[in-house]
């Protein structure tokens, strides 16, 4: 049992390292070659765990081999457009000026339900509102709506808007995010002074966001403030 535990921990650490080596991507963002490697890594890793007679090295060698192959092909695809198109494919236009390309839909084996589900995730419910929709090589559909259906911007109204960075998370469950403070040009002294106005300490704050001028503070819920259930 102890041996199985150690083998599982070692293989877990190796798989995490390999996935990080392959790059930070969500499952839905993986290219076909990366998706295949991910599936094979998970299958190979289970073999030495299920069968103790298989040396752990017999699992590590193919794992690192597949990862090295994936990294190599990624490096080559950066330098060759033809190879990149061969491995990953190319994006396909599936909607143009509100018109669905039925031939492309058949080639990609997309159903109407697939397309409308993808449109709804981007807050589009009428296909005539779409100026251009592209099926990416990951299978996701990128949608660009018509100008008449896009939200009004300050530029459309002839207004001038100040450009600024979004608020930073400066306290996360009582922990001070010093990197965020540095990005805002602030320091701990400023933070303590701001919290003192609310009679709070950093350890008493669940969430605090700030853009340097405006702050949003969410204190931790105290035990006596917690909602109590009704008595029977």
Protein backbone atom coordinates (compact mmCIF):
# COMPACT_ATOMS: atom_id res chain seq x y z
CA UNK A 1 0.00 0.00 0.00
CA UNK A 2 2.83 2.40 0.88
CA UNK A 3 4.51 1.62 -2.46
CA UNK A 4 1.29 2.41 -4.34
CA UNK A 5 1.02 5.69 -2.46
CA UNK A 6 4.56 6.75 -3.37
CA UNK A 7 4.13 5.69 -7.01
CA UNK A 8 0.89 7.67 -7.25
CA UNK A 9 2.48 10.78 -5.72
CA UNK A 10 5.51 10.58 -8.04
CA UNK A 11 3.39 10.11 -11.17
CA UNK A 12 1.03 12.90 -10.08
CA UNK A 13 3.95 15.30 -9.71
CA UNK A 14 5.38 14.24 -13.06
CA UNK A 15 2.05 14.73 -14.88
CA UNK A 16 1.60 18.19 -13.31
CA UNK A 17 5.11 19.12 -14.43
CA UNK A 18 4.47 17.85 -17.96
CA UNK A 19 1.17 19.71 -18.28
CA UNK A 20 2.86 22.92 -17.10
CA UNK A 21 5.62 22.28 -19.62
CA UNK A 22 3.07 21.98 -22.39
CA UNK A 23 1.61 25.39 -21.49
CA UNK A 24 -1.31 26.88 -19.58
CA UNK A 25 -4.44 25.97 -21.54
CA UNK A 26 -7.90 24.86 -20.65
CA UNK A 27 -9.13 21.56 -22.01
CA UNK A 28 -11.36 23.29 -24.56
CA UNK A 29 -8.39 25.32 -25.85
CA UNK A 30 -6.15 22.36 -26.66
CA UNK A 31 -5.13 21.74 -30.24
CA UNK A 32 -5.87 18.21 -31.55
CA UNK A 33 -2.26 17.08 -31.07
CA UNK A 34 -2.17 18.46 -27.51
CA UNK A 35 -5.48 16.82 -26.69
CA UNK A 36 -4.19 13.43 -27.88
CA UNK A 37 -1.03 13.79 -25.79
CA UNK A 38 -3.07 14.73 -22.71
CA UNK A 39 -5.27 11.63 -23.06
CA UNK A 40 -2.29 9.35 -23.60
CA UNK A 41 -0.46 10.78 -20.60
CA UNK A 42 -3.42 10.04 -18.33
CA UNK A 43 -3.70 6.47 -19.64
CA UNK A 44 0.03 5.74 -19.36
CA UNK A 45 0.21 7.16 -15.84
CA UNK A 46 -2.46 4.77 -14.57
CA UNK A 47 -0.59 1.63 -15.66
CA UNK A 48 2.25 1.71 -13.07
CA UNK A 49 -0.29 2.59 -10.36
CA UNK A 50 -2.65 -0.28 -11.14
CA UNK A 51 0.08 -2.88 -11.67
CA UNK A 52 2.98 -2.78 -9.18
CA UNK A 53 4.87 -5.28 -11.33
CA UNK A 54 5.39 -2.56 -13.93
CA UNK A 55 8.51 -0.52 -13.08
CA UNK A 56 7.72 3.13 -12.54
CA UNK A 57 10.39 3.97 -15.11
CA UNK A 58 8.33 2.13 -17.71
CA UNK A 59 5.67 4.78 -17.18
CA UNK A 60 7.97 7.79 -16.92
CA UNK A 61 9.85 7.11 -20.16
CA UNK A 62 6.81 7.21 -22.51
CA UNK A 63 5.36 10.17 -20.60
CA UNK A 64 8.47 12.29 -21.13
CA UNK A 65 8.75 10.99 -24.71
CA UNK A 66 5.27 12.21 -25.62
CA UNK A 67 5.82 15.54 -23.89
CA UNK A 68 9.13 16.05 -25.71
CA UNK A 69 7.43 15.22 -29.01
CA UNK A 70 4.66 17.74 -28.28
CA UNK A 71 7.16 20.46 -27.31
CA UNK A 72 9.21 19.71 -30.44
CA UNK A 73 6.19 19.95 -32.74
CA UNK A 74 5.10 23.16 -30.99
CA UNK A 75 8.56 24.62 -31.62
CA UNK A 76 8.51 23.53 -35.27
CA UNK A 77 4.97 24.82 -35.84
CA UNK A 78 6.06 28.27 -34.65
CA UNK A 79 8.53 28.34 -37.52
CA UNK A 80 6.46 26.69 -40.23
CA UNK A 81 2.99 27.86 -41.17
CA UNK A 82 2.44 24.81 -43.38
CA UNK A 83 3.30 22.41 -40.55
CA UNK A 84 1.07 24.36 -38.17
CA UNK A 85 -1.85 24.09 -40.57
CA UNK A 86 -1.13 20.37 -41.07
CA UNK A 87 -1.11 19.63 -37.33
CA UNK A 88 -3.73 22.08 -36.06
CA UNK A 89 -5.84 22.70 -39.14
CA UNK A 90 -7.15 26.16 -40.03
CA UNK A 91 -10.10 28.31 -38.89
CA UNK A 92 -13.31 28.07 -40.93
CA UNK A 93 -15.89 30.79 -41.53
CA UNK A 94 -19.28 29.33 -40.73
CA UNK A 95 -21.47 32.47 -40.66
CA UNK A 96 -20.97 35.51 -42.88
CA UNK A 97 -23.28 38.55 -42.83
CA UNK A 98 -25.98 36.58 -41.01
CA UNK A 99 -25.89 33.71 -43.52
CA UNK A 100 -24.98 30.21 -42.37
CA UNK A 101 -22.51 28.33 -44.59
CA UNK A 102 -24.23 24.96 -44.69
CA UNK A 103 -21.42 23.31 -46.67
CA UNK A 104 -18.85 24.21 -44.00
CA UNK A 105 -21.27 23.07 -41.33
CA UNK A 106 -21.48 19.63 -42.99
CA UNK A 107 -17.70 19.41 -43.40
CA UNK A 108 -17.19 20.12 -39.70
CA UNK A 109 -20.14 17.89 -38.74
CA UNK A 110 -21.75 20.70 -36.76
CA UNK A 111 -25.46 20.60 -36.04
CA UNK A 112 -27.74 23.62 -35.79
CA UNK A 113 -27.93 22.96 -32.05
CA UNK A 114 -24.12 23.14 -31.79
CA UNK A 115 -24.02 26.49 -33.55
CA UNK A 116 -26.83 28.08 -31.59
CA UNK A 117 -25.38 26.81 -28.31
CA UNK A 118 -22.08 28.51 -29.19
CA UNK A 119 -23.90 31.73 -30.15
CA UNK A 120 -25.87 31.77 -26.90
CA UNK A 121 -22.70 31.53 -24.83
CA UNK A 122 -21.72 34.86 -26.42
CA UNK A 123 -25.12 36.45 -25.77
CA UNK A 124 -26.26 36.14 -29.39
CA UNK A 125 -29.73 34.68 -29.93
CA UNK A 126 -30.45 35.71 -33.53
CA UNK A 127 -28.20 34.47 -36.32
CA UNK A 128 -29.02 37.57 -38.38
CA UNK A 129 -27.16 39.66 -35.77
CA UNK A 130 -23.87 37.91 -36.66
CA UNK A 131 -21.52 39.61 -39.07
CA UNK A 132 -18.89 36.89 -38.89
CA UNK A 133 -18.52 33.61 -37.00
CA UNK A 134 -15.35 31.54 -37.21
CA UNK A 135 -14.79 27.97 -36.03
CA UNK A 136 -11.33 28.01 -34.46
CA UNK A 137 -8.91 25.09 -34.63
CA UNK A 138 -9.83 24.25 -31.02
CA UNK A 139 -13.47 23.79 -32.02
CA UNK A 140 -14.67 26.98 -30.35
CA UNK A 141 -16.73 29.48 -32.34
CA UNK A 142 -15.68 33.14 -32.28
CA UNK A 143 -18.49 35.57 -33.03
CA UNK A 144 -18.37 39.16 -34.28
CA UNK A 145 -21.76 40.84 -34.25
CA UNK A 146 -22.95 43.52 -36.65
CA UNK A 147 -22.17 47.11 -35.74
CA UNK A 148 -25.86 47.87 -35.29
CA UNK A 149 -26.08 45.14 -32.63
CA UNK A 150 -22.98 46.06 -30.66
CA UNK A 151 -23.15 48.03 -27.40
CA UNK A 152 -22.76 51.79 -27.66
CA UNK A 153 -19.29 53.02 -26.67
CA UNK A 154 -18.13 56.49 -25.54
CA UNK A 155 -16.49 56.90 -28.96
CA UNK A 156 -19.85 56.36 -30.65
CA UNK A 157 -21.29 59.20 -28.55
CA UNK A 158 -18.32 61.47 -29.15
CA UNK A 159 -17.28 61.29 -25.50
CA UNK A 160 -13.77 61.05 -24.11
CA UNK A 161 -13.20 58.31 -21.57
CA UNK A 162 -10.17 58.06 -19.30
CA UNK A 163 -8.21 54.87 -19.88
CA UNK A 164 -7.36 52.99 -16.71
CA UNK A 165 -6.46 49.50 -15.58
CA UNK A 166 -9.11 47.33 -13.91
CA UNK A 167 -9.20 47.09 -10.10
CA UNK A 168 -6.61 44.81 -8.52
CA UNK A 169 -7.26 42.20 -5.83
CA UNK A 170 -5.17 43.59 -2.97
CA UNK A 171 -6.46 41.32 -0.15
CA UNK A 172 -7.39 37.71 -0.68
CA UNK A 173 -8.91 36.02 2.38
CA UNK A 174 -6.81 38.08 4.78
CA UNK A 175 -3.58 37.84 2.77
CA UNK A 176 -2.10 41.02 1.32
CA UNK A 177 -1.26 40.80 -2.39
CA UNK A 178 1.93 42.88 -2.44
CA UNK A 179 2.34 42.45 -6.19
CA UNK A 180 -1.07 44.08 -6.74
CA UNK A 181 -0.20 46.90 -4.37
CA UNK A 182 3.03 47.51 -6.26
CA UNK A 183 1.14 47.59 -9.57
CA UNK A 184 -1.12 50.29 -8.12
CA UNK A 185 1.83 52.31 -6.86
CA UNK A 186 0.69 51.80 -3.26
CA UNK A 187 2.23 50.17 -0.19
CA UNK A 188 1.21 48.46 3.03
CA UNK A 189 1.03 51.77 4.92
CA UNK A 190 -1.59 53.09 2.50
CA UNK A 191 -3.54 49.84 2.81
CA UNK A 192 -3.52 49.89 6.60
CA UNK A 193 -4.69 53.54 6.61
CA UNK A 194 -7.58 52.73 4.26
CA UNK A 195 -8.67 49.78 6.39
CA UNK A 196 -8.31 51.82 9.59
CA UNK A 197 -11.06 54.12 8.32
CA UNK A 198 -13.33 51.07 8.32
CA UNK A 199 -11.93 49.89 11.68
CA UNK A 200 -10.58 46.76 10.04
CA UNK A 201 -7.29 44.87 9.94
CA UNK A 202 -6.04 43.00 6.84
CA UNK A 203 -6.69 39.68 8.56
CA UNK A 204 -10.36 40.67 9.00
CA UNK A 205 -10.93 41.29 5.29
CA UNK A 206 -12.14 38.56 2.93
CA UNK A 207 -11.84 40.55 -0.30
CA UNK A 208 -10.51 43.99 -1.13
CA UNK A 209 -10.16 45.36 -4.63
CA UNK A 210 -8.79 48.75 -5.58
CA UNK A 211 -7.81 50.82 -8.59
CA UNK A 212 -5.76 53.14 -6.39
CA UNK A 213 -8.60 55.60 -5.82
CA UNK A 214 -11.79 53.64 -5.32
CA UNK A 215 -11.84 50.63 -3.01
CA UNK A 216 -14.27 47.76 -2.50
CA UNK A 217 -13.96 45.97 0.84
CA UNK A 218 -15.76 42.80 1.92
CA UNK A 219 -15.11 41.99 5.61
CA UNK A 220 -15.01 38.42 6.82
CA UNK A 221 -18.24 37.22 8.37
CA UNK A 222 -17.98 36.89 12.12
CA UNK A 223 -19.41 33.88 13.89
CA UNK A 224 -22.04 35.97 15.68
CA UNK A 225 -23.06 37.56 12.34
CA UNK A 226 -23.65 34.23 10.63
CA UNK A 227 -27.30 33.49 9.82
CA UNK A 228 -28.83 31.11 12.31
CA UNK A 229 -31.23 28.35 11.38
CA UNK A 230 -34.78 28.49 12.59
CA UNK A 231 -35.75 26.48 15.64
CA UNK A 232 -38.18 23.62 14.99
